[in-house]
Amino acid sequence: MRKIKLLLVIGLLGGLTAGCGESISDVCGTEARCTGKKLSGMIYKRAEMYRTGEGVEKDPVKAVQLHRKAAERGHLGSQYWLAESYRTGVGVEKDPAKAVQLHRKSAEKGHLGAQYWLADSYRTGEGVAKDPAKAVQLYRVAAERGHRGAQYWLAESYRTGEGVGKDPAMAAQWYGKAAEKGHLGAQYWLAESYRNGEGVAKDPAKAVELYRKAAEEGHLGAQYWLAESYRKGEGIGKDPAKAVQWHRRAAEKGHLGAQYWLAESYRKGEGVEKDVAKAAEWYYKAAQQGHVVAREKLEQLGGSF
């Protein structure tokens, strides 16, 4: 039976090479030698080729098929990607519970990504009973190993008090670690911490620096607060034109506050040429989202909602 299974795996691998032009028979020599880590590693590489489309036509179903073969042989990476396939429903029917089962196996063996996604499952309750405290425990393990997503969610847990006691200082600490690795959400919330003086000494200039980093990468909230910093002159020199520039970027993505303040700028001619029609247009957009003052200002301009 073992021999039959082995031949099936070899058939699936097809023309796989070992990286130096050898065929599988060249590498293994005999079926007896073509076992263990060497074979599971080769199956994993082939599966990744089909998953990413590198060197072959992308085929999620075949990727899952091969990752399953390697996972059954204990390959850690294949266990992870098979779990991800079940989590996302790519190449196989979505099955959160199966994803959790596989991620748990990889997490227990130290797979960083699996530790993160298992934590996420406990946080969201996907595939397993929701358990914020367990999520925090697992996020911490991955965060201490440098996973920026885990660092962010550990910070969020400390900020919101989900699964652990509220601790603004710890939240800021972990946001800082994730922010240094370029996590946009962490940059935003660390900026918020500096703006409000929560968990760190209040520092409007540092807040602006962090808002700018996230804003330039497209973070909506950061774009709004960078605009507000320019409008109010908090942490940076007052600059109505720059305020309009950043309010516009956020407003065009649907940010309610940015739409209102962009309308205000057009109505008053601050940072942009006065344009009552444009003001009415942006008041209307904000009013549509429930901004009460925007609706009142629109009516004052003779518009209706």
Protein backbone atom coordinates (compact mmCIF):
# COMPACT_ATOMS: atom_id res chain seq x y z
CA MET A 1 0.00 0.00 0.00
CA ARG A 2 2.88 2.37 0.86
CA LYS A 3 4.43 1.67 -2.54
CA ILE A 4 1.16 2.42 -4.34
CA LYS A 5 0.73 5.72 -2.47
CA LEU A 6 4.28 6.69 -3.29
CA LEU A 7 3.79 6.02 -6.98
CA LEU A 8 0.63 8.17 -6.94
CA VAL A 9 2.55 11.05 -5.37
CA ILE A 10 5.32 10.72 -7.93
CA GLY A 11 2.69 10.81 -10.67
CA LEU A 12 1.28 14.03 -9.26
CA LEU A 13 4.71 15.62 -9.17
CA GLY A 14 5.18 15.03 -12.85
CA GLY A 15 8.21 16.84 -14.16
CA LEU A 16 9.28 18.36 -10.85
CA THR A 17 13.01 19.01 -10.57
CA ALA A 18 15.16 19.35 -7.51
CA GLY A 19 16.38 22.79 -8.51
CA CYS A 20 19.43 21.56 -10.44
CA GLY A 21 17.74 20.01 -13.47
CA GLU A 22 17.32 16.51 -12.00
CA SER A 23 14.07 14.59 -12.30
CA ILE A 24 12.52 13.07 -9.19
CA SER A 25 14.09 9.71 -10.03
CA ASP A 26 17.50 11.41 -10.41
CA VAL A 27 17.17 12.88 -6.93
CA CYS A 28 15.66 9.91 -5.14
CA GLY A 29 17.42 7.13 -6.99
CA THR A 30 14.98 4.48 -5.82
CA GLU A 31 11.46 4.55 -4.44
CA ALA A 32 12.79 3.42 -1.07
CA ARG A 33 14.95 6.53 -0.79
CA CYS A 34 12.21 8.86 -2.04
CA THR A 35 10.57 9.26 1.33
CA GLY A 36 10.45 11.56 4.32
CA LYS A 37 11.36 15.23 4.34
CA LYS A 38 12.94 15.25 0.89
CA LEU A 39 9.77 14.10 -0.85
CA SER A 40 7.37 16.21 1.25
CA GLY A 41 9.57 19.24 0.60
CA MET A 42 9.46 18.61 -3.15
CA ILE A 43 5.67 18.20 -3.08
CA TYR A 44 5.43 21.46 -1.13
CA LYS A 45 7.48 23.35 -3.71
CA ARG A 46 5.37 22.00 -6.55
CA ALA A 47 2.18 22.94 -4.67
CA GLU A 48 3.48 26.47 -4.21
CA MET A 49 4.16 26.73 -7.93
CA TYR A 50 0.51 25.95 -8.63
CA ARG A 51 -0.69 28.25 -5.84
CA THR A 52 1.33 31.27 -7.01
CA GLY A 53 1.45 30.53 -10.73
CA GLU A 54 5.24 30.64 -10.70
CA GLY A 55 6.56 28.62 -13.63
CA VAL A 56 3.21 26.93 -14.28
CA GLU A 57 -0.37 27.98 -14.91
CA LYS A 58 -1.98 28.93 -11.61
CA ASP A 59 -4.21 26.12 -10.35
CA PRO A 60 -5.58 26.48 -6.79
CA VAL A 61 -7.26 23.07 -6.87
CA LYS A 62 -4.07 21.27 -7.81
CA ALA A 63 -2.19 23.32 -5.21
CA VAL A 64 -4.59 22.11 -2.53
CA GLN A 65 -4.28 18.53 -3.75
CA LEU A 66 -0.48 18.64 -3.46
CA HIS A 67 -0.39 20.58 -0.21
CA ARG A 68 -2.69 17.92 1.25
CA LYS A 69 -0.21 15.21 0.21
CA ALA A 70 2.68 17.01 1.88
CA ALA A 71 0.60 17.97 4.92
CA GLU A 72 -0.30 14.33 5.49
CA ARG A 73 3.43 13.64 5.59
CA GLY A 74 3.84 16.31 8.27
CA HIS A 75 5.15 19.20 6.16
CA LEU A 76 4.62 22.35 8.24
CA GLY A 77 4.34 24.79 5.33
CA SER A 78 1.82 22.61 3.53
CA GLN A 79 -0.27 22.27 6.69
CA TYR A 80 -0.35 26.06 6.87
CA TRP A 81 -1.31 26.63 3.24
CA LEU A 82 -3.89 23.86 3.29
CA ALA A 83 -5.41 25.58 6.32
CA GLU A 84 -5.37 28.90 4.46
CA SER A 85 -7.17 27.28 1.53
CA TYR A 86 -9.92 26.08 3.86
CA ARG A 87 -10.05 29.49 5.55
CA THR A 88 -10.36 31.47 2.32
CA GLY A 89 -12.18 28.91 0.18
CA VAL A 90 -9.53 29.08 -2.56
CA GLY A 91 -9.10 25.76 -4.34
CA VAL A 92 -11.43 23.97 -1.94
CA GLU A 93 -14.79 24.55 -0.29
CA LYS A 94 -14.49 27.02 2.57
CA ASP A 95 -14.37 25.26 5.95
CA PRO A 96 -13.35 27.48 8.92
CA ALA A 97 -13.40 24.56 11.38
CA LYS A 98 -11.02 22.55 9.20
CA ALA A 99 -8.81 25.60 8.84
CA VAL A 100 -8.63 25.96 12.63
CA GLN A 101 -7.79 22.26 13.01
CA LEU A 102 -4.88 22.54 10.58
CA HIS A 103 -3.66 25.89 11.86
CA ARG A 104 -3.60 24.43 15.36
CA LYS A 105 -1.34 21.60 14.21
CA SER A 106 1.09 24.04 12.59
CA ALA A 107 0.88 26.51 15.48
CA GLU A 108 1.82 23.81 17.99
CA LYS A 109 4.92 23.14 15.88
CA GLY A 110 5.83 26.83 15.96
CA HIS A 111 4.56 28.09 12.58
CA LEU A 112 4.31 31.87 13.01
CA GLY A 113 1.56 32.47 10.46
CA ALA A 114 -0.51 29.62 11.87
CA GLN A 115 -0.18 31.04 15.39
CA TYR A 116 -1.50 34.37 14.09
CA TRP A 117 -4.47 32.93 12.21
CA LEU A 118 -5.39 30.60 15.06
CA ALA A 119 -5.44 33.66 17.33
CA ASP A 120 -7.58 35.47 14.77
CA SER A 121 -10.04 32.59 14.71
CA TYR A 122 -10.46 32.80 18.48
CA ARG A 123 -10.92 36.56 18.21
CA THR A 124 -13.58 36.40 15.50
CA GLY A 125 -15.17 33.06 16.40
CA GLU A 126 -14.65 31.65 12.90
CA GLY A 127 -14.37 27.87 13.00
CA VAL A 128 -14.08 27.80 16.79
CA ALA A 129 -15.91 29.24 19.79
CA LYS A 130 -15.01 32.90 20.30
CA ASP A 131 -12.44 33.26 23.09
CA PRO A 132 -10.80 36.73 23.37
CA ALA A 133 -8.48 35.62 26.19
CA LYS A 134 -7.20 32.67 24.12
CA ALA A 135 -6.77 35.02 21.16
CA VAL A 136 -4.63 37.36 23.26
CA GLN A 137 -2.52 34.43 24.47
CA LEU A 138 -1.79 33.33 20.90
CA TYR A 139 -1.33 36.85 19.55
CA ARG A 140 1.28 37.41 22.27
CA VAL A 141 3.23 34.31 21.22
CA ALA A 142 3.32 35.47 17.59
CA ALA A 143 3.86 39.13 18.53
CA GLU A 144 6.92 38.32 20.62
CA ARG A 145 8.33 36.52 17.59
CA GLY A 146 7.89 39.65 15.49
CA HIS A 147 4.60 39.07 13.60
CA ARG A 148 3.36 42.59 12.90
CA GLY A 149 -0.29 41.60 12.51
CA ALA A 150 -0.18 39.88 15.89
CA GLN A 151 1.55 42.91 17.39
CA TYR A 152 -1.25 45.11 16.06
CA TRP A 153 -4.07 42.94 17.40
CA LEU A 154 -2.34 42.51 20.75
CA ALA A 155 -2.20 46.31 20.92
CA GLU A 156 -5.88 46.48 19.96
CA SER A 157 -6.70 44.06 22.76
CA TYR A 158 -4.93 46.27 25.29
CA ARG A 159 -6.64 49.37 23.85
CA THR A 160 -10.16 47.94 23.91
CA GLY A 161 -9.81 45.61 26.90
CA GLU A 162 -10.92 42.53 24.93
CA GLY A 163 -9.41 39.38 26.38
CA VAL A 164 -7.10 41.34 28.65
CA GLY A 165 -7.30 44.33 30.97
CA LYS A 166 -7.25 47.75 29.31
CA ASP A 167 -3.71 49.15 29.30
CA PRO A 168 -3.05 52.21 27.07
CA ALA A 169 0.70 52.07 27.74
CA MET A 170 0.96 48.44 26.60
CA ALA A 171 -1.24 49.25 23.62
CA ALA A 172 1.11 52.06 22.60
CA GLN A 173 4.12 49.80 23.08
CA TRP A 174 2.79 47.10 20.76
CA TYR A 175 1.43 49.63 18.25
CA GLY A 176 4.96 51.02 18.14
CA LYS A 177 6.47 47.66 17.28
CA ALA A 178 3.95 47.03 14.48
CA ALA A 179 4.21 50.63 13.24
CA GLU A 180 7.97 50.26 12.83
CA LYS A 181 7.26 47.35 10.49
CA GLY A 182 4.93 49.52 8.37
CA HIS A 183 1.53 48.39 9.70
CA LEU A 184 -0.87 51.21 8.68
CA GLY A 185 -3.44 50.56 11.39
CA ALA A 186 -0.71 50.57 14.03
CA GLN A 187 0.73 53.83 12.68
CA TYR A 188 -2.72 55.39 12.88
CA TRP A 189 -3.50 54.26 16.42
CA LEU A 190 -0.03 55.15 17.67
CA ALA A 191 -0.60 58.60 16.19
CA GLU A 192 -3.91 58.73 18.03
CA SER A 193 -2.10 57.80 21.24
CA TYR A 194 0.34 60.70 20.79
CA ARG A 195 -2.44 63.11 19.82
CA ASN A 196 -4.53 62.28 22.87
CA GLY A 197 -1.73 61.47 25.29
CA GLU A 198 -3.07 57.95 25.92
CA GLY A 199 -0.39 55.55 27.11
CA VAL A 200 2.35 57.97 26.06
CA ALA A 201 3.17 61.63 26.69
CA LYS A 202 1.09 63.88 24.45
CA ASP A 203 3.11 64.85 21.38
CA PRO A 204 1.18 66.50 18.52
CA ALA A 205 4.28 66.69 16.29
CA LYS A 206 4.92 62.94 16.67
CA ALA A 207 1.24 62.32 15.95
CA VAL A 208 1.50 64.30 12.70
CA GLU A 209 4.62 62.36 11.67
CA LEU A 210 2.78 59.07 12.11
CA TYR A 211 -0.45 60.30 10.53
CA ARG A 212 1.55 61.34 7.47
CA LYS A 213 3.15 57.89 7.10
CA ALA A 214 -0.22 56.16 7.17
CA ALA A 215 -1.97 58.87 5.13
CA GLU A 216 0.53 58.62 2.29
CA GLU A 217 -0.21 54.88 2.12
CA GLY A 218 -3.94 55.56 1.87
CA HIS A 219 -5.21 55.21 5.46
CA LEU A 220 -8.52 57.08 5.54
CA GLY A 221 -8.52 58.11 9.20
CA ALA A 222 -4.91 59.23 9.01
CA GLN A 223 -5.68 61.39 5.97
CA TYR A 224 -8.49 63.07 7.88
CA TRP A 225 -6.44 63.77 11.00
CA LEU A 226 -3.45 64.99 8.99
CA ALA A 227 -5.84 67.44 7.32
CA GLU A 228 -7.18 68.46 10.74
CA SER A 229 -3.63 69.02 11.99
CA TYR A 230 -2.99 71.41 9.09
CA ARG A 231 -6.36 73.10 9.61
CA LYS A 232 -5.83 73.70 13.33
CA GLY A 233 -2.06 74.07 13.32
CA GLU A 234 -1.62 71.29 15.86
CA GLY A 235 1.78 69.60 15.71
CA ILE A 236 2.60 71.43 12.49
CA GLY A 237 2.27 74.91 11.04
CA LYS A 238 -1.25 75.91 10.07
CA ASP A 239 -1.76 75.45 6.32
CA PRO A 240 -5.32 75.74 4.97
CA ALA A 241 -4.28 74.63 1.46
CA LYS A 242 -2.68 71.43 2.78
CA ALA A 243 -5.74 70.87 4.95
CA VAL A 244 -7.95 71.05 1.86
CA GLN A 245 -5.63 68.69 -0.02
CA TRP A 246 -5.87 65.98 2.63
CA HIS A 247 -9.53 66.57 3.41
CA ARG A 248 -10.26 66.10 -0.29
CA ARG A 249 -8.42 62.78 -0.42
CA ALA A 250 -10.37 61.47 2.55
CA ALA A 251 -13.66 63.02 1.40
CA GLU A 252 -13.44 61.34 -1.99
CA LYS A 253 -13.24 57.99 -0.18
CA GLY A 254 -16.37 58.81 1.78
CA HIS A 255 -15.00 60.13 5.09
CA LEU A 256 -17.88 62.00 6.70
CA GLY A 257 -15.85 64.57 8.66
CA ALA A 258 -13.59 65.26 5.69
CA GLN A 259 -16.60 65.90 3.44
CA TYR A 260 -17.97 68.41 5.94
CA TRP A 261 -14.71 70.30 6.39
CA LEU A 262 -14.03 70.34 2.65
CA ALA A 263 -17.46 71.94 2.22
CA GLU A 264 -16.56 74.47 4.93
CA SER A 265 -13.35 75.34 3.10
CA TYR A 266 -15.23 75.97 -0.16
CA ARG A 267 -17.87 78.03 1.64
CA LYS A 268 -15.33 80.24 3.40
CA GLY A 269 -12.66 80.23 0.71
CA GLU A 270 -10.04 78.91 3.14
CA GLY A 271 -7.19 77.08 1.42
CA VAL A 272 -9.17 77.02 -1.81
CA GLU A 273 -11.04 79.50 -3.97
CA LYS A 274 -14.50 80.22 -2.60
CA ASP A 275 -17.13 78.17 -4.41
CA VAL A 276 -20.63 77.98 -2.93
CA ALA A 277 -21.75 75.36 -5.44
CA LYS A 278 -18.85 73.09 -4.47
CA ALA A 279 -19.60 73.72 -0.82
CA ALA A 280 -23.21 72.65 -1.35
CA GLU A 281 -22.05 69.54 -3.19
CA TRP A 282 -19.88 68.39 -0.29
CA TYR A 283 -22.42 69.39 2.37
CA TYR A 284 -24.91 67.22 0.50
CA LYS A 285 -22.54 64.23 0.50
CA ALA A 286 -21.96 64.61 4.24
CA ALA A 287 -25.69 65.11 4.90
CA GLN A 288 -26.41 61.88 3.02
CA GLN A 289 -24.31 60.08 5.63
CA GLY A 290 -26.19 61.68 8.49
CA HIS A 291 -24.09 64.74 9.29
CA VAL A 292 -26.67 67.02 10.93
CA VAL A 293 -24.68 70.28 10.74
CA ALA A 294 -23.89 69.66 7.06
CA ARG A 295 -27.60 69.36 6.39
CA GLU A 296 -28.27 72.65 8.19
CA LYS A 297 -25.49 74.40 6.25
CA LEU A 298 -26.86 73.02 2.99
CA GLU A 299 -30.31 74.45 3.79
CA GLN A 300 -28.71 77.81 4.64
CA LEU A 301 -27.21 77.84 1.16
CA GLY A 302 -30.65 77.26 -0.31
CA GLY A 303 -30.09 73.60 -1.04
CA SER A 304 -32.31 70.74 0.00
CA PHE A 305 -31.73 67.20 1.11
